């Protein structure tokens, strides 16, 4: 039996973390929020490849998205990792997966948004 505490199976997690681009996106965005363009450059990947991985990571609630306003007044999206820790335990003839994610409350998000507009 392969099960996760939040519905994420060990197989799904394994497939995700086996992907070099998904791993790179998580690693890069754990340091600072980055746009898809910045991720494409840092991960040496095409934009479509980055967007496919971003979508998959967001589906699994491992990547947050924020809107940012640049000095020219244009909006763009930046992404940050929500993944803090993954634990895989062997028990009862199968694997048990637990995923720890970052938690931001509404006040933290509002503060970040406000500081980004100044």
PDB file of N, CA and C in Angstrom:
ATOM      1  N   UNK A   1       0.845  -1.168   0.000  1.00  0.00           N
ATOM      2  CA  UNK A   1       0.000   0.000   0.000  1.00  0.00           C
ATOM      3  C   UNK A   1       0.890   1.229   0.000  1.00  0.00           C
ATOM      4  N   UNK A   2       0.696   2.055  -0.972  1.00  0.00           N
ATOM      5  CA  UNK A   2       1.419   3.319  -1.063  1.00  0.00           C
ATOM      6  C   UNK A   2       0.418   4.436  -0.834  1.00  0.00           C
ATOM      7  N   UNK A   3       0.556   5.154   0.264  1.00  0.00           N
ATOM      8  CA  UNK A   3      -0.396   6.223   0.513  1.00  0.00           C
ATOM      9  C   UNK A   3       0.293   7.426   1.106  1.00  0.00           C
ATOM     10  N   UNK A   4      -0.336   8.544   0.912  1.00  0.00           N
ATOM     11  CA  UNK A   4       0.192   9.800   1.439  1.00  0.00           C
ATOM     12  C   UNK A   4      -0.829  10.401   2.386  1.00  0.00           C
ATOM     13  N   UNK A   5      -0.347  11.199   3.291  1.00  0.00           N
ATOM     14  CA  UNK A   5      -1.241  11.823   4.257  1.00  0.00           C
ATOM     15  C   UNK A   5      -2.137  12.868   3.615  1.00  0.00           C
ATOM     16  N   UNK A   6      -1.782  13.377   2.472  1.00  0.00           N
ATOM     17  CA  UNK A   6      -2.617  14.407   1.833  1.00  0.00           C
ATOM     18  C   UNK A   6      -3.128  13.971   0.458  1.00  0.00           C
ATOM     19  N   UNK A   7      -3.199  12.665   0.214  1.00  0.00           N
ATOM     20  CA  UNK A   7      -3.717  12.170  -1.048  1.00  0.00           C
ATOM     21  C   UNK A   7      -2.676  12.040  -2.144  1.00  0.00           C
ATOM     22  N   UNK A   8      -1.464  12.406  -1.877  1.00  0.00           N
ATOM     23  CA  UNK A   8      -0.385  12.303  -2.852  1.00  0.00           C
ATOM     24  C   UNK A   8       0.258  10.932  -2.701  1.00  0.00           C
ATOM     25  N   UNK A   9       0.209  10.115  -3.736  1.00  0.00           N
ATOM     26  CA  UNK A   9       0.767   8.767  -3.645  1.00  0.00           C
ATOM     27  C   UNK A   9       2.286   8.801  -3.764  1.00  0.00           C
ATOM     28  N   UNK A  10       2.908   7.754  -3.239  1.00  0.00           N
ATOM     29  CA  UNK A  10       4.362   7.634  -3.342  1.00  0.00           C
ATOM     30  C   UNK A  10       4.775   7.572  -4.807  1.00  0.00           C
ATOM     31  N   UNK A  11       3.968   6.910  -5.636  1.00  0.00           N
ATOM     32  CA  UNK A  11       4.288   6.802  -7.062  1.00  0.00           C
ATOM     33  C   UNK A  11       4.235   8.172  -7.740  1.00  0.00           C
ATOM     34  N   UNK A  12       3.195   8.949  -7.440  1.00  0.00           N
ATOM     35  CA  UNK A  12       3.070  10.292  -8.025  1.00  0.00           C
ATOM     36  C   UNK A  12       4.230  11.173  -7.599  1.00  0.00           C
ATOM     37  N   UNK A  13       4.539  11.133  -6.318  1.00  0.00           N
ATOM     38  CA  UNK A  13       5.649  11.931  -5.805  1.00  0.00           C
ATOM     39  C   UNK A  13       6.968  11.489  -6.430  1.00  0.00           C
ATOM     40  N   UNK A  14       7.162  10.186  -6.545  1.00  0.00           N
ATOM     41  CA  UNK A  14       8.380   9.663  -7.159  1.00  0.00           C
ATOM     42  C   UNK A  14       8.539  10.123  -8.597  1.00  0.00           C
ATOM     43  N   UNK A  15       7.448  10.059  -9.358  1.00  0.00           N
ATOM     44  CA  UNK A  15       7.479  10.516 -10.749  1.00  0.00           C
ATOM     45  C   UNK A  15       7.817  11.998 -10.830  1.00  0.00           C
ATOM     46  N   UNK A  16       7.214  12.766  -9.949  1.00  0.00           N
ATOM     47  CA  UNK A  16       7.453  14.208  -9.948  1.00  0.00           C
ATOM     48  C   UNK A  16       8.911  14.525  -9.627  1.00  0.00           C
ATOM     49  N   UNK A  17       9.429  13.923  -8.579  1.00  0.00           N
ATOM     50  CA  UNK A  17      10.795  14.229  -8.153  1.00  0.00           C
ATOM     51  C   UNK A  17      11.853  13.585  -9.042  1.00  0.00           C
ATOM     52  N   UNK A  18      11.429  12.641  -9.873  1.00  0.00           N
ATOM     53  CA  UNK A  18      12.346  12.054 -10.844  1.00  0.00           C
ATOM     54  C   UNK A  18      12.607  13.025 -11.997  1.00  0.00           C
ATOM     55  N   UNK A  19      11.690  13.943 -12.205  1.00  0.00           N
ATOM     56  CA  UNK A  19      11.790  14.901 -13.299  1.00  0.00           C
ATOM     57  C   UNK A  19      12.785  16.008 -12.939  1.00  0.00           C
ATOM     58  N   UNK A  20      13.843  16.134 -13.720  1.00  0.00           N
ATOM     59  CA  UNK A  20      14.896  17.106 -13.401  1.00  0.00           C
ATOM     60  C   UNK A  20      14.395  18.547 -13.403  1.00  0.00           C
ATOM     61  N   UNK A  21      13.451  18.871 -14.281  1.00  0.00           N
ATOM     62  CA  UNK A  21      12.948  20.245 -14.334  1.00  0.00           C
ATOM     63  C   UNK A  21      12.072  20.563 -13.120  1.00  0.00           C
ATOM     64  N   UNK A  22      11.246  19.620 -12.710  1.00  0.00           N
ATOM     65  CA  UNK A  22      10.418  19.833 -11.514  1.00  0.00           C
ATOM     66  C   UNK A  22      11.306  20.017 -10.290  1.00  0.00           C
ATOM     67  N   UNK A  23      12.340  19.190 -10.175  1.00  0.00           N
ATOM     68  CA  UNK A  23      13.280  19.330  -9.045  1.00  0.00           C
ATOM     69  C   UNK A  23      13.970  20.683  -9.086  1.00  0.00           C
ATOM     70  N   UNK A  24      14.410  21.100 -10.267  1.00  0.00           N
ATOM     71  CA  UNK A  24      15.095  22.392 -10.399  1.00  0.00           C
ATOM     72  C   UNK A  24      14.172  23.553 -10.056  1.00  0.00           C
ATOM     73  N   UNK A  25      12.930  23.479 -10.511  1.00  0.00           N
ATOM     74  CA  UNK A  25      11.969  24.542 -10.204  1.00  0.00           C
ATOM     75  C   UNK A  25      11.756  24.639  -8.703  1.00  0.00           C
ATOM     76  N   UNK A  26      11.565  23.505  -8.042  1.00  0.00           N
ATOM     77  CA  UNK A  26      11.382  23.519  -6.585  1.00  0.00           C
ATOM     78  C   UNK A  26      12.613  24.072  -5.880  1.00  0.00           C
ATOM     79  N   UNK A  27      13.790  23.661  -6.324  1.00  0.00           N
ATOM     80  CA  UNK A  27      15.025  24.129  -5.683  1.00  0.00           C
ATOM     81  C   UNK A  27      15.214  25.632  -5.887  1.00  0.00           C
ATOM     82  N   UNK A  28      15.045  26.098  -7.110  1.00  0.00           N
ATOM     83  CA  UNK A  28      15.253  27.521  -7.411  1.00  0.00           C
ATOM     84  C   UNK A  28      14.240  28.408  -6.692  1.00  0.00           C
ATOM     85  N   UNK A  29      12.981  27.967  -6.664  1.00  0.00           N
ATOM     86  CA  UNK A  29      11.943  28.797  -6.045  1.00  0.00           C
ATOM     87  C   UNK A  29      11.899  28.657  -4.528  1.00  0.00           C
ATOM     88  N   UNK A  30      12.707  27.772  -3.982  1.00  0.00           N
ATOM     89  CA  UNK A  30      12.801  27.697  -2.516  1.00  0.00           C
ATOM     90  C   UNK A  30      13.702  28.807  -1.982  1.00  0.00           C
ATOM     91  N   UNK A  31      14.512  29.396  -2.857  1.00  0.00           N
ATOM     92  CA  UNK A  31      15.426  30.472  -2.475  1.00  0.00           C
ATOM     93  C   UNK A  31      14.733  31.825  -2.581  1.00  0.00           C
ATOM     94  N   UNK A  32      14.032  32.038  -3.709  1.00  0.00           N
ATOM     95  CA  UNK A  32      13.344  33.304  -3.948  1.00  0.00           C
ATOM     96  C   UNK A  32      12.262  33.088  -4.996  1.00  0.00           C
ATOM     97  N   UNK A  33      11.200  33.898  -4.968  1.00  0.00           N
ATOM     98  CA  UNK A  33      10.176  33.795  -6.008  1.00  0.00           C
ATOM     99  C   UNK A  33      10.771  34.163  -7.371  1.00  0.00           C
ATOM    100  N   UNK A  34      10.394  33.402  -8.396  1.00  0.00           N
ATOM    101  CA  UNK A  34      10.925  33.621  -9.739  1.00  0.00           C
ATOM    102  C   UNK A  34       9.807  33.561 -10.766  1.00  0.00           C
ATOM    103  N   UNK A  35       9.984  34.307 -11.845  1.00  0.00           N
ATOM    104  CA  UNK A  35       9.040  34.258 -12.962  1.00  0.00           C
ATOM    105  C   UNK A  35       9.351  33.032 -13.820  1.00  0.00           C
ATOM    106  N   UNK A  36       8.430  32.691 -14.706  1.00  0.00           N
ATOM    107  CA  UNK A  36       8.650  31.569 -15.614  1.00  0.00           C
ATOM    108  C   UNK A  36       9.852  31.829 -16.515  1.00  0.00           C
ATOM    109  N   UNK A  37      10.035  33.070 -16.935  1.00  0.00           N
ATOM    110  CA  UNK A  37      11.186  33.424 -17.772  1.00  0.00           C
ATOM    111  C   UNK A  37      12.489  33.196 -17.020  1.00  0.00           C
ATOM    112  N   UNK A  38      12.529  33.634 -15.769  1.00  0.00           N
ATOM    113  CA  UNK A  38      13.731  33.422 -14.951  1.00  0.00           C
ATOM    114  C   UNK A  38      13.977  31.934 -14.729  1.00  0.00           C
ATOM    115  N   UNK A  39      12.903  31.177 -14.507  1.00  0.00           N
ATOM    116  CA  UNK A  39      13.047  29.732 -14.313  1.00  0.00           C
ATOM    117  C   UNK A  39      13.564  29.053 -15.578  1.00  0.00           C
ATOM    118  N   UNK A  40      13.075  29.476 -16.736  1.00  0.00           N
ATOM    119  CA  UNK A  40      13.547  28.897 -17.994  1.00  0.00           C
ATOM    120  C   UNK A  40      15.045  29.111 -18.157  1.00  0.00           C
ATOM    121  N   UNK A  41      15.520  30.302 -17.807  1.00  0.00           N
ATOM    122  CA  UNK A  41      16.951  30.595 -17.902  1.00  0.00           C
ATOM    123  C   UNK A  41      17.752  29.761 -16.901  1.00  0.00           C
ATOM    124  N   UNK A  42      17.320  29.745 -15.657  1.00  0.00           N
ATOM    125  CA  UNK A  42      18.069  29.043 -14.609  1.00  0.00           C
ATOM    126  C   UNK A  42      18.037  27.529 -14.770  1.00  0.00           C
ATOM    127  N   UNK A  43      16.937  27.014 -15.309  1.00  0.00           N
ATOM    128  CA  UNK A  43      16.796  25.564 -15.467  1.00  0.00           C
ATOM    129  C   UNK A  43      17.233  25.088 -16.848  1.00  0.00           C
ATOM    130  N   UNK A  44      17.642  26.029 -17.706  1.00  0.00           N
ATOM    131  CA  UNK A  44      18.056  25.712 -19.073  1.00  0.00           C
ATOM    132  C   UNK A  44      16.986  24.879 -19.780  1.00  0.00           C
ATOM    133  N   UNK A  45      15.767  25.428 -19.791  1.00  0.00           N
ATOM    134  CA  UNK A  45      14.628  24.730 -20.382  1.00  0.00           C
ATOM    135  C   UNK A  45      13.795  25.721 -21.187  1.00  0.00           C
ATOM    136  N   UNK A  46      12.978  25.181 -22.081  1.00  0.00           N
ATOM    137  CA  UNK A  46      12.089  26.036 -22.871  1.00  0.00           C
ATOM    138  C   UNK A  46      10.930  26.520 -22.000  1.00  0.00           C
ATOM    139  N   UNK A  47      10.320  27.604 -22.415  1.00  0.00           N
ATOM    140  CA  UNK A  47       9.162  28.134 -21.683  1.00  0.00           C
ATOM    141  C   UNK A  47       8.014  27.129 -21.600  1.00  0.00           C
ATOM    142  N   UNK A  48       7.662  26.429 -22.708  1.00  0.00           N
ATOM    143  CA  UNK A  48       6.585  25.438 -22.593  1.00  0.00           C
ATOM    144  C   UNK A  48       6.898  24.335 -21.568  1.00  0.00           C
ATOM    145  N   UNK A  49       8.153  23.901 -21.523  1.00  0.00           N
ATOM    146  CA  UNK A  49       8.551  22.886 -20.541  1.00  0.00           C
ATOM    147  C   UNK A  49       8.368  23.410 -19.132  1.00  0.00           C
ATOM    148  N   UNK A  50       8.792  24.636 -18.892  1.00  0.00           N
ATOM    149  CA  UNK A  50       8.662  25.242 -17.561  1.00  0.00           C
ATOM    150  C   UNK A  50       7.196  25.384 -17.186  1.00  0.00           C
ATOM    151  N   UNK A  51       6.368  25.872 -18.108  1.00  0.00           N
ATOM    152  CA  UNK A  51       4.947  26.048 -17.793  1.00  0.00           C
ATOM    153  C   UNK A  51       4.248  24.718 -17.514  1.00  0.00           C
ATOM    154  N   UNK A  52       4.616  23.657 -18.238  1.00  0.00           N
ATOM    155  CA  UNK A  52       4.019  22.344 -17.950  1.00  0.00           C
ATOM    156  C   UNK A  52       4.370  21.891 -16.537  1.00  0.00           C
ATOM    157  N   UNK A  53       5.630  22.071 -16.148  1.00  0.00           N
ATOM    158  CA  UNK A  53       6.045  21.674 -14.789  1.00  0.00           C
ATOM    159  C   UNK A  53       5.398  22.562 -13.731  1.00  0.00           C
ATOM    160  N   UNK A  54       5.317  23.864 -14.001  1.00  0.00           N
ATOM    161  CA  UNK A  54       4.661  24.783 -13.064  1.00  0.00           C
ATOM    162  C   UNK A  54       3.215  24.342 -12.840  1.00  0.00           C
ATOM    163  N   UNK A  55       2.501  24.045 -13.926  1.00  0.00           N
ATOM    164  CA  UNK A  55       1.105  23.611 -13.802  1.00  0.00           C
ATOM    165  C   UNK A  55       0.990  22.345 -12.966  1.00  0.00           C
ATOM    166  N   UNK A  56       1.871  21.396 -13.206  1.00  0.00           N
ATOM    167  CA  UNK A  56       1.830  20.133 -12.445  1.00  0.00           C
ATOM    168  C   UNK A  56       2.136  20.381 -10.969  1.00  0.00           C
ATOM    169  N   UNK A  57       3.136  21.185 -10.685  1.00  0.00           N
ATOM    170  CA  UNK A  57       3.491  21.492  -9.295  1.00  0.00           C
ATOM    171  C   UNK A  57       2.361  22.248  -8.595  1.00  0.00           C
ATOM    172  N   UNK A  58       1.677  23.120  -9.309  1.00  0.00           N
ATOM    173  CA  UNK A  58       0.545  23.836  -8.714  1.00  0.00           C
ATOM    174  C   UNK A  58      -0.631  22.893  -8.459  1.00  0.00           C
ATOM    175  N   UNK A  59      -0.863  21.949  -9.367  1.00  0.00           N
ATOM    176  CA  UNK A  59      -1.924  20.958  -9.158  1.00  0.00           C
ATOM    177  C   UNK A  59      -1.704  20.178  -7.869  1.00  0.00           C
ATOM    178  N   UNK A  60      -0.452  19.922  -7.545  1.00  0.00           N
ATOM    179  CA  UNK A  60      -0.102  19.157  -6.346  1.00  0.00           C
ATOM    180  C   UNK A  60       0.149  20.061  -5.142  1.00  0.00           C
ATOM    181  N   UNK A  61      -0.150  21.346  -5.280  1.00  0.00           N
ATOM    182  CA  UNK A  61      -0.033  22.331  -4.199  1.00  0.00           C
ATOM    183  C   UNK A  61       1.399  22.442  -3.670  1.00  0.00           C
ATOM    184  N   UNK A  62       2.360  22.371  -4.578  1.00  0.00           N
ATOM    185  CA  UNK A  62       3.762  22.482  -4.195  1.00  0.00           C
ATOM    186  C   UNK A  62       4.379  23.803  -4.632  1.00  0.00           C
ATOM    187  N   UNK A  63       3.611  24.615  -5.338  1.00  0.00           N
ATOM    188  CA  UNK A  63       4.123  25.876  -5.854  1.00  0.00           C
ATOM    189  C   UNK A  63       3.051  26.942  -5.686  1.00  0.00           C
ATOM    190  N   UNK A  64       3.441  28.072  -5.114  1.00  0.00           N
ATOM    191  CA  UNK A  64       2.558  29.227  -4.962  1.00  0.00           C
ATOM    192  C   UNK A  64       2.800  30.200  -6.103  1.00  0.00           C
ATOM    193  N   UNK A  65       1.803  31.000  -6.380  1.00  0.00           N
ATOM    194  CA  UNK A  65       1.893  32.004  -7.440  1.00  0.00           C
ATOM    195  C   UNK A  65       1.501  33.359  -6.866  1.00  0.00           C
ATOM    196  N   UNK A  66       2.249  34.375  -7.251  1.00  0.00           N
ATOM    197  CA  UNK A  66       1.908  35.740  -6.839  1.00  0.00           C
ATOM    198  C   UNK A  66       2.012  36.658  -8.044  1.00  0.00           C
ATOM    199  N   UNK A  67       1.165  37.667  -8.090  1.00  0.00           N
ATOM    200  CA  UNK A  67       1.227  38.678  -9.139  1.00  0.00           C
ATOM    201  C   UNK A  67       2.183  39.768  -8.686  1.00  0.00           C
ATOM    202  N   UNK A  68       3.047  40.183  -9.581  1.00  0.00           N
ATOM    203  CA  UNK A  68       4.021  41.223  -9.274  1.00  0.00           C
ATOM    204  C   UNK A  68       3.888  42.337 -10.300  1.00  0.00           C
ATOM    205  N   UNK A  69       4.068  43.537  -9.845  1.00  0.00           N
ATOM    206  CA  UNK A  69       4.004  44.708 -10.713  1.00  0.00           C
ATOM    207  C   UNK A  69       5.424  45.202 -10.947  1.00  0.00           C
ATOM    208  N   UNK A  70       5.839  45.257 -12.221  1.00  0.00           N
ATOM    209  CA  UNK A  70       7.187  45.761 -12.490  1.00  0.00           C
ATOM    210  C   UNK A  70       7.159  47.289 -12.575  1.00  0.00           C
ATOM    211  N   UNK A  71       8.317  47.943 -12.613  1.00  0.00           N
ATOM    212  CA  UNK A  71       8.362  49.413 -12.637  1.00  0.00           C
ATOM    213  C   UNK A  71       7.626  50.048 -13.822  1.00  0.00           C
ATOM    214  N   UNK A  72       7.463  49.295 -14.920  1.00  0.00           N
ATOM    215  CA  UNK A  72       6.752  49.812 -16.090  1.00  0.00           C
ATOM    216  C   UNK A  72       5.237  49.708 -15.945  1.00  0.00           C
ATOM    217  N   UNK A  73       4.777  49.119 -14.842  1.00  0.00           N
ATOM    218  CA  UNK A  73       3.348  48.978 -14.612  1.00  0.00           C
ATOM    219  C   UNK A  73       2.744  47.696 -15.150  1.00  0.00           C
ATOM    220  N   UNK A  74       3.570  46.783 -15.655  1.00  0.00           N
ATOM    221  CA  UNK A  74       3.080  45.514 -16.181  1.00  0.00           C
ATOM    222  C   UNK A  74       3.063  44.468 -15.069  1.00  0.00           C
ATOM    223  N   UNK A  75       2.059  43.603 -15.128  1.00  0.00           N
ATOM    224  CA  UNK A  75       1.952  42.514 -14.162  1.00  0.00           C
ATOM    225  C   UNK A  75       2.621  41.262 -14.722  1.00  0.00           C
ATOM    226  N   UNK A  76       3.227  40.503 -13.849  1.00  0.00           N
ATOM    227  CA  UNK A  76       3.724  39.190 -14.226  1.00  0.00           C
ATOM    228  C   UNK A  76       3.658  38.292 -13.002  1.00  0.00           C
ATOM    229  N   UNK A  77       3.722  36.990 -13.252  1.00  0.00           N
ATOM    230  CA  UNK A  77       3.599  36.026 -12.165  1.00  0.00           C
ATOM    231  C   UNK A  77       4.973  35.564 -11.703  1.00  0.00           C
ATOM    232  N   UNK A  78       5.087  35.394 -10.389  1.00  0.00           N
ATOM    233  CA  UNK A  78       6.290  34.795  -9.806  1.00  0.00           C
ATOM    234  C   UNK A  78       5.844  33.600  -8.981  1.00  0.00           C
ATOM    235  N   UNK A  79       6.715  32.626  -8.910  1.00  0.00           N
ATOM    236  CA  UNK A  79       6.381  31.370  -8.260  1.00  0.00           C
ATOM    237  C   UNK A  79       7.348  31.102  -7.119  1.00  0.00           C
ATOM    238  N   UNK A  80       6.832  30.507  -6.059  1.00  0.00           N
ATOM    239  CA  UNK A  80       7.680  30.129  -4.928  1.00  0.00           C
ATOM    240  C   UNK A  80       7.265  28.745  -4.440  1.00  0.00           C
ATOM    241  N   UNK A  81       8.253  27.990  -4.007  1.00  0.00           N
ATOM    242  CA  UNK A  81       8.012  26.622  -3.541  1.00  0.00           C
ATOM    243  C   UNK A  81       7.233  26.628  -2.236  1.00  0.00           C
ATOM    244  N   UNK A  82       6.291  25.707  -2.127  1.00  0.00           N
ATOM    245  CA  UNK A  82       5.555  25.499  -0.879  1.00  0.00           C
ATOM    246  C   UNK A  82       6.073  24.258  -0.172  1.00  0.00           C
ATOM    247  N   UNK A  83       6.906  23.513  -0.831  1.00  0.00           N
ATOM    248  CA  UNK A  83       7.406  22.251  -0.304  1.00  0.00           C
ATOM    249  C   UNK A  83       8.547  22.508   0.667  1.00  0.00           C
ATOM    250  N   UNK A  84       8.406  22.012   1.886  1.00  0.00           N
ATOM    251  CA  UNK A  84       9.477  22.128   2.875  1.00  0.00           C
ATOM    252  C   UNK A  84      10.179  20.798   3.096  1.00  0.00           C
ATOM    253  N   UNK A  85       9.366  19.742   3.185  1.00  0.00           N
ATOM    254  CA  UNK A  85       9.948  18.442   3.522  1.00  0.00           C
ATOM    255  C   UNK A  85       9.060  17.338   2.968  1.00  0.00           C
ATOM    256  N   UNK A  86       9.704  16.281   2.468  1.00  0.00           N
ATOM    257  CA  UNK A  86       9.008  15.074   2.047  1.00  0.00           C
ATOM    258  C   UNK A  86       9.601  13.924   2.842  1.00  0.00           C
ATOM    259  N   UNK A  87       8.722  13.135   3.445  1.00  0.00           N
ATOM    260  CA  UNK A  87       9.170  11.976   4.210  1.00  0.00           C
ATOM    261  C   UNK A  87       8.514  10.741   3.612  1.00  0.00           C
ATOM    262  N   UNK A  88       9.318   9.739   3.332  1.00  0.00           N
ATOM    263  CA  UNK A  88       8.806   8.468   2.826  1.00  0.00           C
ATOM    264  C   UNK A  88       9.197   7.397   3.831  1.00  0.00           C
ATOM    265  N   UNK A  89       8.187   6.719   4.365  1.00  0.00           N
ATOM    266  CA  UNK A  89       8.428   5.677   5.358  1.00  0.00           C
ATOM    267  C   UNK A  89       7.938   4.343   4.824  1.00  0.00           C
ATOM    268  N   UNK A  90       8.708   3.310   5.090  1.00  0.00           N
ATOM    269  CA  UNK A  90       8.314   1.955   4.744  1.00  0.00           C
ATOM    270  C   UNK A  90       7.568   1.385   5.940  1.00  0.00           C
ATOM    271  N   UNK A  91       6.298   1.020   5.729  1.00  0.00           N
ATOM    272  CA  UNK A  91       5.531   0.447   6.838  1.00  0.00           C
ATOM    273  C   UNK A  91       4.430  -0.455   6.300  1.00  0.00           C
ATOM    274  N   UNK A  92       4.211  -1.554   6.986  1.00  0.00           N
ATOM    275  CA  UNK A  92       3.147  -2.502   6.627  1.00  0.00           C
ATOM    276  C   UNK A  92       3.201  -2.920   5.162  1.00  0.00           C
ATOM    277  N   UNK A  93       4.388  -3.186   4.662  1.00  0.00           N
ATOM    278  CA  UNK A  93       4.539  -3.679   3.303  1.00  0.00           C
ATOM    279  C   UNK A  93       4.338  -2.642   2.213  1.00  0.00           C
ATOM    280  N   UNK A  94       4.344  -1.384   2.564  1.00  0.00           N
ATOM    281  CA  UNK A  94       4.170  -0.332   1.568  1.00  0.00           C
ATOM    282  C   UNK A  94       4.879   0.931   2.005  1.00  0.00           C
ATOM    283  N   UNK A  95       4.609   1.982   1.312  1.00  0.00           N
ATOM    284  CA  UNK A  95       5.235   3.262   1.605  1.00  0.00           C
ATOM    285  C   UNK A  95       4.186   4.253   2.083  1.00  0.00           C
ATOM    286  N   UNK A  96       4.579   5.050   3.031  1.00  0.00           N
ATOM    287  CA  UNK A  96       3.729   6.126   3.511  1.00  0.00           C
ATOM    288  C   UNK A  96       4.472   7.433   3.276  1.00  0.00           C
ATOM    289  N   UNK A  97       3.810   8.355   2.612  1.00  0.00           N
ATOM    290  CA  UNK A  97       4.422   9.623   2.240  1.00  0.00           C
ATOM    291  C   UNK A  97       3.777  10.741   3.043  1.00  0.00           C
ATOM    292  N   UNK A  98       4.604  11.609   3.602  1.00  0.00           N
ATOM    293  CA  UNK A  98       4.061  12.825   4.209  1.00  0.00           C
ATOM    294  C   UNK A  98       4.792  14.014   3.602  1.00  0.00           C
ATOM    295  N   UNK A  99       4.026  15.050   3.332  1.00  0.00           N
ATOM    296  CA  UNK A  99       4.551  16.249   2.690  1.00  0.00           C
ATOM    297  C   UNK A  99       4.279  17.431   3.603  1.00  0.00           C
ATOM    298  N   UNK A 100       5.327  18.149   3.964  1.00  0.00           N
ATOM    299  CA  UNK A 100       5.184  19.371   4.753  1.00  0.00           C
ATOM    300  C   UNK A 100       5.320  20.553   3.811  1.00  0.00           C
ATOM    301  N   UNK A 101       4.332  21.428   3.883  1.00  0.00           N
ATOM    302  CA  UNK A 101       4.327  22.611   3.024  1.00  0.00           C
ATOM    303  C   UNK A 101       4.434  23.865   3.874  1.00  0.00           C
ATOM    304  N   UNK A 102       4.899  24.935   3.247  1.00  0.00           N
ATOM    305  CA  UNK A 102       4.954  26.218   3.943  1.00  0.00           C
ATOM    306  C   UNK A 102       3.536  26.716   4.150  1.00  0.00           C
ATOM    307  N   UNK A 103       3.374  27.524   5.172  1.00  0.00           N
ATOM    308  CA  UNK A 103       2.057  28.106   5.423  1.00  0.00           C
ATOM    309  C   UNK A 103       2.207  29.613   5.507  1.00  0.00           C
ATOM    310  N   UNK A 104       1.499  30.291   4.646  1.00  0.00           N
ATOM    311  CA  UNK A 104       1.424  31.754   4.675  1.00  0.00           C
ATOM    312  C   UNK A 104      -0.003  32.108   5.042  1.00  0.00           C
ATOM    313  N   UNK A 105      -0.144  33.038   5.927  1.00  0.00           N
ATOM    314  CA  UNK A 105      -1.500  33.485   6.205  1.00  0.00           C
ATOM    315  C   UNK A 105      -1.808  34.730   5.381  1.00  0.00           C
ATOM    316  N   UNK A 106      -3.054  35.140   5.405  1.00  0.00           N
ATOM    317  CA  UNK A 106      -3.496  36.272   4.584  1.00  0.00           C
ATOM    318  C   UNK A 106      -2.738  37.552   4.918  1.00  0.00           C
ATOM    319  N   UNK A 107      -2.402  37.746   6.176  1.00  0.00           N
ATOM    320  CA  UNK A 107      -1.672  38.952   6.581  1.00  0.00           C
ATOM    321  C   UNK A 107      -0.293  38.979   5.933  1.00  0.00           C
ATOM    322  N   UNK A 108       0.410  37.841   5.930  1.00  0.00           N
ATOM    323  CA  UNK A 108       1.732  37.775   5.297  1.00  0.00           C
ATOM    324  C   UNK A 108       1.637  38.082   3.806  1.00  0.00           C
ATOM    325  N   UNK A 109       0.638  37.512   3.135  1.00  0.00           N
ATOM    326  CA  UNK A 109       0.484  37.752   1.697  1.00  0.00           C
ATOM    327  C   UNK A 109       0.168  39.215   1.416  1.00  0.00           C
ATOM    328  N   UNK A 110      -0.683  39.833   2.242  1.00  0.00           N
ATOM    329  CA  UNK A 110      -1.015  41.246   2.060  1.00  0.00           C
ATOM    330  C   UNK A 110       0.219  42.118   2.261  1.00  0.00           C
ATOM    331  N   UNK A 111       1.013  41.818   3.286  1.00  0.00           N
ATOM    332  CA  UNK A 111       2.232  42.581   3.555  1.00  0.00           C
ATOM    333  C   UNK A 111       3.189  42.490   2.374  1.00  0.00           C
ATOM    334  N   UNK A 112       3.378  41.281   1.832  1.00  0.00           N
ATOM    335  CA  UNK A 112       4.261  41.102   0.679  1.00  0.00           C
ATOM    336  C   UNK A 112       3.741  41.885  -0.526  1.00  0.00           C
ATOM    337  N   UNK A 113       2.434  41.836  -0.744  1.00  0.00           N
ATOM    338  CA  UNK A 113       1.846  42.570  -1.858  1.00  0.00           C
ATOM    339  C   UNK A 113       2.054  44.066  -1.690  1.00  0.00           C
ATOM    340  N   UNK A 114       1.791  44.581  -0.503  1.00  0.00           N
ATOM    341  CA  UNK A 114       1.944  46.007  -0.223  1.00  0.00           C
ATOM    342  C   UNK A 114       3.393  46.449  -0.415  1.00  0.00           C
ATOM    343  N   UNK A 115       4.338  45.669   0.122  1.00  0.00           N
ATOM    344  CA  UNK A 115       5.754  46.026  -0.009  1.00  0.00           C
ATOM    345  C   UNK A 115       6.201  45.970  -1.458  1.00  0.00           C
ATOM    346  N   UNK A 116       5.618  45.088  -2.247  1.00  0.00           N
ATOM    347  CA  UNK A 116       5.964  44.994  -3.658  1.00  0.00           C
ATOM    348  C   UNK A 116       5.467  46.173  -4.472  1.00  0.00           C
ATOM    349  N   UNK A 117       4.442  46.863  -3.977  1.00  0.00           N
ATOM    350  CA  UNK A 117       3.889  48.008  -4.700  1.00  0.00           C
ATOM    351  C   UNK A 117       4.581  49.314  -4.363  1.00  0.00           C
ATOM    352  N   UNK A 118       5.358  49.345  -3.283  1.00  0.00           N
ATOM    353  CA  UNK A 118       6.022  50.588  -2.879  1.00  0.00           C
ATOM    354  C   UNK A 118       7.229  50.853  -3.721  1.00  0.00           C
TER     355      UNK A 118
END
